[in-house]
Protein backbone atom coordinates (compact mmCIF):
# COMPACT_ATOMS: atom_id res chain seq x y z
CA MET A 1 -21.82 -31.45 -12.92
CA LYS A 2 -22.52 -29.21 -9.95
CA PRO A 3 -20.41 -26.06 -9.33
CA GLU A 4 -18.91 -27.62 -6.19
CA GLU A 5 -17.83 -30.68 -8.16
CA ILE A 6 -16.34 -28.50 -10.91
CA LYS A 7 -14.26 -26.66 -8.31
CA VAL A 8 -12.88 -29.99 -7.07
CA VAL A 9 -11.92 -30.99 -10.63
CA ILE A 10 -10.25 -27.61 -11.19
CA GLY A 11 -8.10 -28.16 -8.11
CA GLU A 12 -7.19 -31.68 -9.20
CA VAL A 13 -6.23 -30.54 -12.71
CA ASP A 14 -4.08 -27.75 -11.29
CA GLY A 15 -2.21 -30.38 -9.28
CA LEU A 16 -1.72 -32.56 -12.37
CA ILE A 17 -0.27 -29.63 -14.33
CA ARG A 18 2.12 -28.72 -11.50
CA LYS A 19 3.37 -32.34 -11.41
CA GLY A 20 3.95 -32.32 -15.15
CA GLU A 21 1.18 -34.82 -15.93
CA GLY A 22 -0.07 -32.89 -18.96
CA ASN A 23 -1.87 -35.74 -20.75
CA ALA A 24 -3.93 -36.58 -17.68
CA ALA A 25 -4.74 -32.90 -17.17
CA GLN A 26 -5.89 -32.54 -20.79
CA LYS A 27 -8.18 -35.55 -20.51
CA ARG A 28 -9.87 -34.22 -17.37
CA LEU A 29 -10.30 -30.78 -18.94
CA LEU A 30 -11.80 -32.12 -22.16
CA ASP A 31 -14.24 -34.22 -20.15
CA LEU A 32 -15.13 -31.10 -18.16
CA ALA A 33 -15.69 -29.05 -21.34
CA LYS A 34 -18.31 -31.51 -22.61
CA GLY A 35 -20.80 -30.16 -20.09
CA ARG A 36 -22.17 -26.68 -19.65
CA LEU A 37 -19.93 -24.64 -17.36
CA PRO A 38 -21.36 -21.91 -15.09
CA ARG A 39 -20.04 -18.42 -15.79
CA PRO A 40 -17.83 -18.25 -12.63
CA GLN A 41 -15.98 -21.42 -13.72
CA LEU A 42 -15.27 -20.33 -17.32
CA LEU A 43 -12.20 -18.26 -16.43
CA PRO A 44 -10.40 -20.77 -14.16
CA VAL A 45 -11.06 -23.58 -16.66
CA ALA A 46 -9.80 -21.43 -19.55
CA VAL A 47 -6.62 -20.69 -17.58
CA LEU A 48 -6.06 -24.41 -17.07
CA MET A 49 -6.75 -25.07 -20.76
CA ARG A 50 -3.96 -22.70 -21.73
CA ARG A 51 -1.56 -24.06 -19.11
CA ALA A 52 -2.27 -27.63 -20.24
CA GLY A 53 -1.60 -26.82 -23.90
CA LEU A 54 -5.24 -26.48 -25.01
CA PRO A 55 -5.52 -22.72 -25.72
CA ASP A 56 -8.01 -23.32 -28.56
CA TRP A 57 -10.47 -24.70 -26.02
CA GLY A 58 -9.94 -21.74 -23.73
CA ILE A 59 -10.79 -19.42 -26.62
CA ARG A 60 -13.95 -21.40 -27.37
CA LEU A 61 -15.05 -21.02 -23.76
CA LEU A 62 -14.43 -17.28 -23.52
CA ASN A 63 -15.20 -16.11 -27.06
CA PRO A 64 -19.00 -15.85 -26.51
CA ILE A 65 -18.30 -13.53 -23.58
CA ILE A 66 -15.55 -11.44 -25.17
CA ARG A 67 -17.06 -11.05 -28.66
CA THR A 68 -20.81 -10.86 -28.05
CA THR A 69 -23.46 -8.34 -28.97
CA SER A 70 -26.07 -10.02 -26.79
CA LYS A 71 -27.32 -7.85 -23.96
CA ALA A 72 -28.28 -11.01 -22.07
CA LEU A 73 -24.64 -11.76 -21.35
CA SER A 74 -22.77 -9.65 -18.86
CA THR A 75 -19.75 -7.64 -19.97
CA ALA A 76 -16.50 -9.55 -19.85
CA THR A 77 -14.25 -8.75 -16.91
CA GLU A 78 -10.72 -7.49 -17.44
CA ALA A 79 -9.36 -10.79 -16.11
CA GLU A 80 -11.41 -12.68 -18.71
CA LYS A 81 -10.16 -10.38 -21.47
CA ALA A 82 -6.57 -10.82 -20.32
CA GLU A 83 -6.86 -14.61 -20.32
CA TYR A 84 -8.54 -14.59 -23.72
CA ALA A 85 -5.66 -12.51 -25.10
CA ALA A 86 -3.09 -14.87 -23.53
CA SER A 87 -4.74 -17.79 -25.32
CA LEU A 88 -4.82 -15.83 -28.60
CA THR A 89 -1.06 -15.40 -28.28
CA ARG A 90 -0.66 -19.15 -27.81
CA ILE A 91 -2.52 -19.90 -31.08
CA GLY A 92 -0.67 -17.21 -33.04
CA ALA A 93 -3.16 -14.31 -33.15
CA THR A 94 -0.60 -12.02 -31.52
CA GLN A 95 -1.74 -8.69 -32.99
CA GLU A 96 -5.30 -9.08 -31.74
CA ALA A 97 -3.96 -10.19 -28.37
CA LEU A 98 -1.84 -7.07 -28.06
CA ARG A 99 -4.78 -4.84 -29.01
CA ILE A 100 -6.86 -6.36 -26.23
CA LEU A 101 -4.10 -6.27 -23.61
CA SER A 102 -3.08 -2.67 -24.34
CA GLY A 103 -6.60 -1.54 -23.45
CA LEU A 104 -6.66 -3.18 -20.02
CA ASN A 105 -6.02 -1.51 -16.66
CA ALA A 106 -2.65 -2.84 -15.50
CA THR A 107 -3.28 -1.65 -11.95
CA SER A 108 -6.35 -3.83 -11.45
CA THR A 109 -5.21 -6.57 -13.86
CA PRO A 110 -1.41 -6.73 -13.55
CA GLU A 111 -1.22 -10.07 -15.39
CA ALA A 112 -1.98 -8.06 -18.55
CA LEU A 113 1.59 -6.72 -18.33
CA LEU A 114 3.02 -10.24 -18.18
CA PHE A 115 0.82 -11.42 -21.05
CA GLN A 116 1.85 -8.41 -23.16
CA SER A 117 5.51 -9.19 -22.58
CA ILE A 118 5.00 -12.83 -23.59
CA ALA A 119 3.24 -11.68 -26.77
CA GLN A 120 6.25 -9.46 -27.53
CA PHE A 121 8.55 -12.44 -26.91
CA THR A 122 6.74 -14.35 -29.67
CA LEU A 123 7.63 -11.45 -31.99
CA TRP A 124 11.24 -11.53 -30.72
CA ASP A 125 10.75 -7.97 -29.47
CA TYR A 126 12.43 -8.29 -26.07
CA ALA A 127 13.11 -4.54 -25.95
CA ALA A 128 9.36 -3.84 -25.95
CA ALA A 129 8.86 -6.48 -23.24
CA LEU A 130 11.43 -4.99 -20.84
CA PRO A 131 9.40 -2.05 -19.43
CA LEU A 132 6.29 -4.22 -19.18
CA LEU A 133 8.11 -6.83 -17.10
CA ALA A 134 9.75 -4.20 -14.93
CA ARG A 135 6.28 -2.79 -14.10
CA PHE A 136 4.88 -6.26 -13.47
CA VAL A 137 7.50 -7.38 -10.94
CA ALA A 138 7.16 -4.02 -9.14
CA THR A 139 3.39 -4.47 -8.71
CA PRO A 140 2.61 -4.92 -4.97
CA SER A 141 -0.58 -6.96 -5.49
CA ILE A 142 0.92 -9.96 -7.32
CA SER A 143 1.87 -13.17 -5.51
CA ASP A 144 5.44 -14.16 -4.71
CA TYR A 145 5.34 -16.89 -7.35
CA GLN A 146 4.02 -14.46 -10.00
CA ARG A 147 6.87 -12.09 -9.11
CA LEU A 148 9.34 -14.94 -9.47
CA VAL A 149 7.98 -15.90 -12.91
CA GLY A 150 8.02 -12.27 -13.99
CA SER A 151 11.60 -11.87 -12.75
CA VAL A 152 12.78 -14.89 -14.74
CA ASN A 153 11.18 -13.44 -17.89
CA LEU A 154 12.74 -10.07 -17.09
CA LEU A 155 16.13 -11.75 -16.82
CA ALA A 156 15.63 -13.37 -20.24
CA ALA A 157 14.80 -10.00 -21.78
CA LEU A 158 17.78 -8.27 -20.14
CA ILE A 159 20.18 -10.94 -21.43
CA HIS A 160 18.70 -10.90 -24.92
CA GLU A 161 19.07 -7.11 -25.09
CA LYS A 162 22.57 -7.33 -23.54
CA HIS A 163 21.85 -5.21 -20.48
CA PHE A 164 24.58 -7.16 -18.74
CA GLU A 165 24.97 -5.11 -15.56
CA ARG A 166 21.27 -5.37 -14.66
CA ALA A 167 21.18 -9.01 -15.76
CA ASP A 168 24.17 -9.97 -13.59
CA GLY A 169 22.58 -8.58 -10.44
CA LEU A 170 19.18 -10.19 -11.06
CA LEU A 171 20.81 -13.48 -12.03
CA LYS A 172 22.58 -13.81 -8.69
CA GLN A 173 19.34 -13.12 -6.81
CA LEU A 174 17.34 -15.69 -8.77
CA LEU A 175 19.96 -18.44 -8.56
CA GLU A 176 20.02 -18.09 -4.80
CA ARG A 177 16.24 -17.84 -4.49
CA THR A 178 15.51 -21.02 -6.48
CA LYS A 179 17.93 -23.36 -4.64
CA THR A 180 15.09 -25.50 -3.32
CA PRO A 181 13.86 -28.94 -4.47
CA GLU A 182 10.39 -27.68 -5.37
CA LEU A 183 11.90 -25.04 -7.70
CA ASN A 184 14.45 -27.37 -9.29
CA LEU A 185 13.02 -27.02 -12.81
CA LEU A 186 12.97 -23.23 -12.60
CA HIS A 187 16.50 -23.28 -11.17
CA GLY A 188 17.64 -25.27 -14.22
CA ASN A 189 16.00 -22.69 -16.49
CA ILE A 190 17.86 -19.88 -14.75
CA LEU A 191 21.16 -21.74 -15.08
CA GLU A 192 20.46 -22.00 -18.79
CA LEU A 193 19.92 -18.23 -18.91
CA ALA A 194 23.17 -17.79 -16.98
CA ALA A 195 24.93 -19.82 -19.69
CA GLN A 196 23.47 -17.56 -22.39
CA ASN A 197 24.63 -14.52 -20.46
CA ALA A 198 28.17 -15.92 -20.20
CA ILE A 199 28.23 -16.75 -23.92
CA PHE A 200 27.26 -13.19 -24.79
CA HIS A 201 30.04 -12.05 -22.42
CA ALA A 202 32.43 -14.43 -24.31
CA ASP A 203 33.20 -16.03 -20.92
CA TRP A 204 33.47 -19.59 -22.23
CA LYS A 205 34.58 -21.17 -18.94
CA ALA A 206 31.67 -19.71 -16.98
CA ALA A 207 29.24 -20.70 -19.74
CA ASP A 208 30.46 -24.30 -19.65
CA GLY A 209 30.06 -24.41 -15.87
CA TYR A 210 26.50 -23.10 -16.00
CA ILE A 211 25.57 -25.57 -18.75
CA GLN A 212 26.92 -28.46 -16.67
CA GLN A 213 24.87 -27.33 -13.69
CA SER A 214 21.77 -26.92 -15.85
CA GLU A 215 22.23 -30.39 -17.33
CA ALA A 216 22.43 -31.85 -13.81
CA ALA A 217 19.32 -29.99 -12.67
CA LEU A 218 17.32 -31.10 -15.72
CA SER A 219 18.79 -34.60 -16.08
CA ASN A 220 15.62 -36.36 -14.93
CA THR A 221 13.28 -34.38 -17.19
CA ASN A 222 12.26 -35.01 -20.76
CA THR A 223 11.18 -31.45 -21.28
CA MET A 224 12.04 -28.77 -23.81
CA ASP A 225 14.24 -27.25 -21.10
CA ALA A 226 16.73 -30.11 -21.41
CA PHE A 227 16.69 -29.64 -25.19
CA TYR A 228 17.48 -25.94 -24.78
CA THR A 229 20.50 -26.86 -22.64
CA ARG A 230 21.80 -29.09 -25.45
CA LYS A 231 21.24 -26.21 -27.85
CA TRP A 232 23.33 -23.81 -25.77
CA ARG A 233 26.15 -26.36 -25.43
CA ALA A 234 26.28 -26.58 -29.24
CA VAL A 235 26.19 -22.78 -29.55
CA LEU A 236 29.03 -22.48 -27.02
CA ALA A 237 31.18 -24.91 -29.02
CA LEU A 238 30.42 -23.02 -32.23
CA MET A 239 31.29 -19.62 -30.77
CA GLN A 240 34.56 -20.98 -29.40
CA ALA A 241 35.65 -22.72 -32.62
CA PRO A 242 33.37 -21.70 -35.52
CA ASN A 243 35.47 -23.41 -38.18
CA LYS A 244 35.87 -26.79 -36.51
CA GLU A 245 33.92 -29.65 -38.03
CA ALA A 246 32.94 -30.90 -34.57
CA SER A 247 31.33 -27.55 -33.78
CA ARG A 248 29.31 -27.52 -36.98
CA SER A 249 28.34 -31.15 -36.47
CA GLY A 250 27.08 -30.39 -32.96
CA LEU A 251 24.92 -27.56 -34.25
CA GLU A 252 23.56 -29.80 -37.00
CA ASN A 253 22.54 -32.35 -34.35
CA VAL A 254 20.53 -29.61 -32.64
CA ARG A 255 18.90 -28.72 -35.95
CA ARG A 256 17.97 -32.36 -36.48
CA GLU A 257 16.36 -32.60 -33.05
CA ALA A 258 14.58 -29.27 -33.56
CA ARG A 259 13.01 -30.61 -36.77
CA GLU A 260 11.90 -33.77 -34.97
CA ARG A 261 10.40 -31.69 -32.18
CA ARG A 262 9.00 -29.17 -34.69
CA HIS A 263 10.66 -26.39 -32.74
CA TRP A 264 11.09 -23.99 -35.64
CA GLU A 265 12.51 -21.04 -33.71
CA THR A 266 15.51 -23.16 -32.71
CA LEU A 267 16.21 -23.72 -36.42
CA ARG A 268 16.10 -19.96 -36.91
CA ASP A 269 18.40 -19.42 -33.94
CA CYS A 270 20.89 -22.03 -35.19
CA ASP A 271 21.24 -20.10 -38.44
CA TYR A 272 21.56 -16.86 -36.45
CA PHE A 273 24.45 -18.06 -34.32
CA GLU A 274 26.19 -19.74 -37.25
CA ALA A 275 25.95 -16.52 -39.29
CA ILE A 276 27.36 -14.54 -36.34
CA ALA A 277 30.14 -16.99 -35.44
CA ARG A 278 31.28 -17.57 -39.03
CA ARG A 279 30.60 -14.00 -40.23
CA ASP A 280 28.53 -15.54 -43.01
CA GLY A 281 26.81 -12.76 -44.92
CA ALA A 282 25.01 -15.12 -47.33
CA LEU A 283 23.45 -17.09 -44.47
CA GLY A 284 22.63 -13.80 -42.76
CA ALA A 285 20.80 -12.53 -45.85
CA ARG A 286 18.77 -15.74 -46.07
CA LEU A 287 17.88 -15.42 -42.38
CA TYR A 288 16.95 -11.75 -42.88
CA PHE A 289 14.58 -12.41 -45.78
CA GLY A 290 13.18 -15.55 -44.16
CA THR A 291 12.26 -13.89 -40.84
CA PRO A 292 9.10 -11.78 -40.48
CA TYR A 293 10.06 -10.32 -37.08
CA VAL A 294 11.43 -6.81 -37.41
CA ALA A 295 13.18 -6.88 -34.00
CA TYR A 296 15.00 -10.09 -34.95
CA ARG A 297 16.15 -8.61 -38.26
CA GLU A 298 17.36 -5.44 -36.55
CA ARG A 299 19.32 -7.51 -34.04
CA LEU A 300 20.87 -9.53 -36.87
CA ALA A 301 21.84 -6.35 -38.72
CA ARG A 302 23.51 -4.94 -35.59
CA GLU A 303 25.52 -8.11 -34.99
CA LEU A 304 26.68 -8.66 -38.58
CA GLY A 305 27.26 -5.01 -39.46
CA ALA A 306 28.91 -4.54 -42.85
CA VAL A 307 29.01 -8.30 -43.41
CA LEU A 308 25.24 -8.28 -43.99
CA VAL A 309 24.32 -6.88 -47.42
CA ILE A 310 20.58 -6.68 -48.07
CA PRO A 311 19.83 -6.96 -51.81
CA ARG A 312 16.72 -5.42 -53.39
CA LYS A 313 15.52 -8.94 -54.23
CA PHE A 314 16.17 -12.39 -52.81
CA VAL A 315 15.76 -15.73 -54.54
CA TRP A 316 14.33 -18.39 -52.22
CA ARG A 317 14.84 -22.00 -53.22
CA VAL A 318 11.79 -24.13 -52.42
CA GLY A 319 11.37 -27.88 -52.81
CA PRO A 320 13.94 -30.67 -53.18
CA ARG A 321 17.54 -30.17 -54.22
CA GLY A 322 18.50 -30.32 -57.86
CA LYS A 323 18.33 -28.27 -61.05
CA VAL A 324 15.80 -25.45 -60.74
CA LYS A 325 12.69 -26.10 -62.84
CA GLY A 326 11.12 -22.66 -62.70
CA GLN A 327 10.73 -19.31 -60.96
CA TYR A 328 7.95 -16.97 -59.88
CA ASP A 329 8.56 -13.32 -59.01
CA LEU A 330 6.20 -12.10 -56.30
CA LEU A 331 6.63 -8.54 -57.58
CA LEU A 332 4.78 -9.51 -60.77
CA GLY A 333 1.64 -9.69 -58.71
CA GLY A 334 1.19 -5.95 -59.23
CA GLU A 335 1.24 -6.03 -63.02
CA GLU A 336 -2.00 -5.94 -65.00
CA GLY A 337 -2.72 -9.38 -66.46
CA GLU A 338 0.33 -11.06 -64.93
CA GLY A 339 0.41 -13.45 -62.03
CA LEU A 340 -1.80 -13.02 -59.01
CA LYS A 341 -3.67 -9.75 -58.71
CA ASP A 342 -1.84 -7.61 -56.20
CA GLY A 343 -3.67 -6.89 -52.96
CA GLN A 344 -6.26 -9.61 -53.42
CA LEU A 345 -6.47 -12.38 -50.86
CA PRO A 346 -4.57 -15.17 -52.72
CA HIS A 347 -1.63 -12.86 -53.45
CA ARG A 348 -1.60 -11.59 -49.87
CA LEU A 349 -1.66 -15.18 -48.62
CA LEU A 350 1.30 -16.06 -50.84
CA THR A 351 3.32 -13.12 -49.48
CA ILE A 352 2.46 -14.18 -45.91
CA LEU A 353 3.51 -17.79 -46.49
CA ALA A 354 6.73 -16.62 -48.19
CA SER A 355 7.64 -14.29 -45.31
CA ASP A 356 8.93 -17.07 -43.03
CA PHE A 357 11.35 -19.77 -44.20
CA TYR A 358 11.37 -21.52 -40.82
CA ARG A 359 8.05 -21.61 -39.00
CA PRO A 360 4.90 -22.92 -40.74
CA HIS A 361 1.94 -20.61 -40.29
CA ARG A 362 -0.94 -21.41 -37.97
CA VAL A 363 -4.49 -20.62 -39.06
CA ALA A 364 -4.84 -17.88 -36.44
CA THR A 365 -1.57 -16.25 -37.55
CA ILE A 366 -2.66 -16.25 -41.19
CA CYS A 367 -6.02 -14.79 -40.17
CA ASP A 368 -4.27 -12.13 -38.06
CA LEU A 369 -2.23 -11.01 -41.09
CA LEU A 370 -4.76 -11.64 -43.84
CA TYR A 371 -7.54 -9.71 -42.11
CA PRO A 372 -5.78 -7.04 -40.00
CA ASN A 373 -7.88 -5.33 -37.33
CA GLN A 374 -10.57 -8.03 -37.53
CA PHE A 375 -11.44 -10.40 -34.70
CA PHE A 376 -10.56 -14.09 -34.66
CA ASN A 377 -13.69 -16.23 -34.44
CA PRO A 378 -12.95 -19.87 -33.51
CA ARG A 379 -15.98 -21.04 -35.53
CA THR A 380 -15.77 -18.97 -38.73
CA SER A 381 -12.20 -17.65 -39.07
CA PRO A 382 -10.56 -21.03 -39.84
CA LEU A 383 -13.10 -21.58 -42.64
CA ARG A 384 -12.30 -18.17 -44.18
CA VAL A 385 -8.58 -18.95 -44.15
CA HIS A 386 -9.09 -22.41 -45.66
CA GLN A 387 -11.15 -20.89 -48.47
CA VAL A 388 -8.28 -18.54 -49.42
CA ILE A 389 -5.80 -21.43 -49.21
CA LEU A 390 -8.03 -23.37 -51.61
CA ARG A 391 -8.10 -20.42 -54.04
CA LEU A 392 -4.31 -20.16 -54.02
CA ARG A 393 -3.90 -23.91 -54.52
CA ARG A 394 -6.26 -23.73 -57.52
CA TRP A 395 -4.23 -20.86 -58.95
CA PHE A 396 -1.02 -22.91 -58.66
CA ASP A 397 -2.74 -25.70 -60.60
CA ASP A 398 -4.22 -23.38 -63.23
CA GLU A 399 -0.82 -21.77 -63.88
CA GLY A 400 1.00 -25.11 -63.93
CA LEU A 401 3.27 -24.07 -61.05
CA PRO A 402 4.78 -26.90 -58.98
CA MET A 403 4.02 -25.01 -55.76
CA THR A 404 1.97 -26.59 -52.99
CA ILE A 405 0.67 -25.53 -49.58
CA ASP A 406 1.41 -28.38 -47.21
CA GLU A 407 -0.53 -28.81 -43.97
CA GLU A 408 0.69 -30.58 -40.87
CA ALA A 409 -1.03 -30.42 -37.49
CA GLY A 410 -2.97 -27.33 -38.56
CA ARG A 411 0.10 -25.44 -39.77
CA PHE A 412 0.76 -24.41 -43.36
CA ARG A 413 3.97 -23.90 -45.32
CA LEU A 414 4.94 -23.37 -48.95
CA GLN A 415 6.54 -26.33 -50.67
CA ALA A 416 7.27 -27.44 -54.23
CA SER A 417 7.22 -30.85 -55.92
CA VAL A 418 10.37 -29.98 -57.90
CA PRO A 419 13.23 -27.49 -57.29
CA PHE A 420 11.62 -24.07 -57.69
CA GLU A 421 12.42 -20.44 -56.90
CA LEU A 422 10.43 -17.54 -55.50
CA VAL A 423 11.78 -14.02 -55.99
CA LEU A 424 11.06 -11.88 -52.92
CA ALA A 425 11.31 -8.16 -52.28
CA ALA A 426 13.14 -6.78 -49.27
CA PRO A 427 10.88 -7.01 -46.18
CA PHE A 428 9.01 -4.03 -44.79
CA ALA A 429 10.57 -2.29 -41.82
CA ALA A 430 7.30 -3.05 -40.04
CA GLY A 431 7.85 -6.74 -40.54
CA LYS A 432 4.73 -7.33 -42.63
CA ALA A 433 4.45 -9.25 -45.86
CA ARG A 434 4.96 -6.76 -48.67
CA SER A 435 2.64 -6.83 -51.66
CA GLY A 436 4.14 -6.56 -55.13
CA ALA A 437 2.74 -3.12 -55.93
CA ILE A 438 3.71 -1.58 -52.59
CA ALA A 439 7.20 -3.06 -52.90
CA LYS A 440 7.60 -1.44 -56.30
CA LEU A 441 6.46 1.93 -54.98
CA SER A 442 8.88 1.68 -52.07
CA GLN A 443 11.80 0.84 -54.36
CA ALA A 444 10.90 3.58 -56.83
CA PHE A 445 10.22 6.48 -54.44
CA GLY A 446 12.16 5.58 -51.29
CA LYS A 447 11.39 8.31 -48.77
CA ASP A 448 10.23 10.84 -51.41
CA PRO A 449 6.51 11.78 -51.43
CA PHE A 450 4.50 10.74 -54.48
CA SER A 451 1.02 11.32 -55.91
CA VAL A 452 -1.65 8.88 -57.01
CA SER A 453 -0.96 9.71 -60.65
CA ARG A 454 2.74 8.89 -60.30
CA ALA A 455 1.84 5.62 -58.58
CA MET A 456 -0.56 4.83 -61.47
CA GLU A 457 2.18 5.48 -64.03
CA LEU A 458 4.55 3.11 -62.26
CA LEU A 459 2.04 0.31 -61.61
CA GLY A 460 0.08 0.61 -64.85
CA GLY A 461 -3.24 0.13 -63.06
CA SER A 462 -6.46 2.12 -62.89
CA GLU A 463 -7.01 5.01 -60.49
CA SER A 464 -9.52 3.03 -58.42
CA THR A 465 -7.15 0.05 -58.09
CA THR A 466 -4.24 2.31 -57.12
CA LEU A 467 -6.32 4.17 -54.54
CA ARG A 468 -7.49 0.87 -53.06
CA LEU A 469 -3.91 -0.35 -52.69
CA LEU A 470 -2.76 2.91 -51.09
CA LYS A 471 -5.76 2.98 -48.75
CA ARG A 472 -4.90 -0.50 -47.45
CA ALA A 473 -1.22 0.43 -47.06
CA VAL A 474 -2.19 3.50 -45.03
CA GLU A 475 -4.55 1.44 -42.82
CA ASP A 476 -1.76 -1.09 -42.18
CA GLY A 477 0.65 1.69 -41.22
CA ASP A 478 3.04 0.96 -44.10
CA VAL A 479 2.43 4.27 -45.92
CA ARG A 480 1.67 7.77 -44.57
CA VAL A 481 -0.58 10.28 -46.29
CA THR A 482 -0.21 14.07 -46.20
CA GLY A 483 -2.19 16.95 -47.72
CA GLN A 484 -5.69 16.99 -49.14
CA GLY A 485 -7.37 17.00 -52.55
CA LYS A 486 -4.96 17.64 -55.41
CA ASN A 487 -2.15 18.13 -52.88
CA THR A 488 -2.51 14.61 -51.42
CA ARG A 489 0.84 12.86 -51.27
CA TYR A 490 1.97 9.45 -49.97
CA LEU A 491 5.32 8.51 -48.49
CA PHE A 492 7.00 5.57 -46.78
CA PRO A 493 8.00 6.02 -43.12
C-alpha cells in the first residue's frame, strides 16, 4: 500500500474510533499491519492501535525502533518513545513505561506528562499523578481537546486525593464546558466524577442527583462508563445504610457484573468501600494483603485507622469452599532444603502471583516484576515468563500441592483444586512481592542495621547465597547498604 493510501486509512480508522466502532477499527488496523509500513506511518498507526485496544500491536511496530542496536535505523523520536511507553502501560509493563517517560523532555513532548499520570493511575498513585497533570494542562502547546482530557484526569486525581476545594472549582468549569452533544459521553463521565466527589463529601442528595444525570447522559451507551455509574449508585446506597440488606445486595450485583466484565479493580474497590462503610477490619486486612499497590494500601490505612490491624502473617484461602486440605508458608522458601529456593525465579513468581487477590497478572506485568530493570521484548519476553510458569507448575506437581496457575486470555492467577491456604508475610512498603528470606530479615531486624554474618545466622544459608539475596534487595530498593568492608551494614528503609 502506498503512503498516500495509508494516510487515508489512518484518517478513516480515526473516524471509526471516535464513533465508537472499535471492532471495525481493529479490523482495518490489523489488515494495515500485514504490510510493511513506512517509518513516518509507524507512529500514527501505533497510536491508533493503542486507542483501538491493540497496544500489543503498537509495541510490535515500535519495538525495533526503540530497542535496536542497529546503526541502520534512525534514533527513535521522543514522540515515538512516549507512545511506546503508553502502550507498555496498557499491557502492564508500567515500571518500564515510567522509566522511559521520566527521561523525556516534557517541554517538547508534553504528552509524556499525561502518559506518566495514566501510568501512576494504574498503580493507584493519584498523588504522584497530580503535579504531572497540573503541568500538562498548563502547557501552551497542547490542543484544546488535549487540555480538556488532561483536565478531566486532573479532576479525577483531585477527587481521589480529597482536594475538595480545587476539585469543586474545576468540576463546575468542566460541567459547563462539556454541555454540548458532541461531548455527551465526556459530560457523563464528569457527572460520574461529580457523584464521587459528593459521596466523599457525604452529600447524599447531591450525589444522587449527579448519578441520575450521569445515567441519563449515558443511557444510550453500552460502555464501561454506564457500568461505573451503576457502581457509584451501589456505593452511595452502601455509604448511606451500610447495614441494610438491600445495600449489600446492590454492591454484590456490582461485584457479579464486574466478574462478568473481568473488571478486577471494581472488585477491589467494592471491598474497599464495604470495609470503610462497615468499619470491617477483617475485610480491610484481606484487602491490604491482597493489593500490591502501596498508594492504595496507604489510603486504606488512613481511612480505617485503628480498625485496621496488620498482622505479621496472613492466611489466604485459595480454591473452592470447604475444609482446608493443606497449607504452604511462603516464608519457608528461605530455608535450606525446604520449599522453593528463595530468590530463584519460581519462588519469585509465586510471591508475585500471591501479591494480588483480585487482578490476574498479565505476561508483561510478570516480566516487569520478575526481571526488574530489563526491557520487555514482544518476541522473547513472553517465552521467558512461560518457562518460569512451567517450572513452578512442575514444582507444584512434584510436591503434591493442589495449587495451579490458571490462564485466561493471557492472564495468570493462582488457584487450587481443593481448599488450600497460603501463608503470606506483610507486604513491603514499596509494594513489591517480598521473598521469604527478605521478609524474615525485615521481621527480625526492623529498622536496625545488620551484618552479613547476622543475616547468615538467621537464614541458615551460605555466605554467597546471603550476599546474592542482599545484592538483589539493594538493587530493587528494598534494602539500603552503608559502610564498607567489615563495616558494611544493611538496613530496611
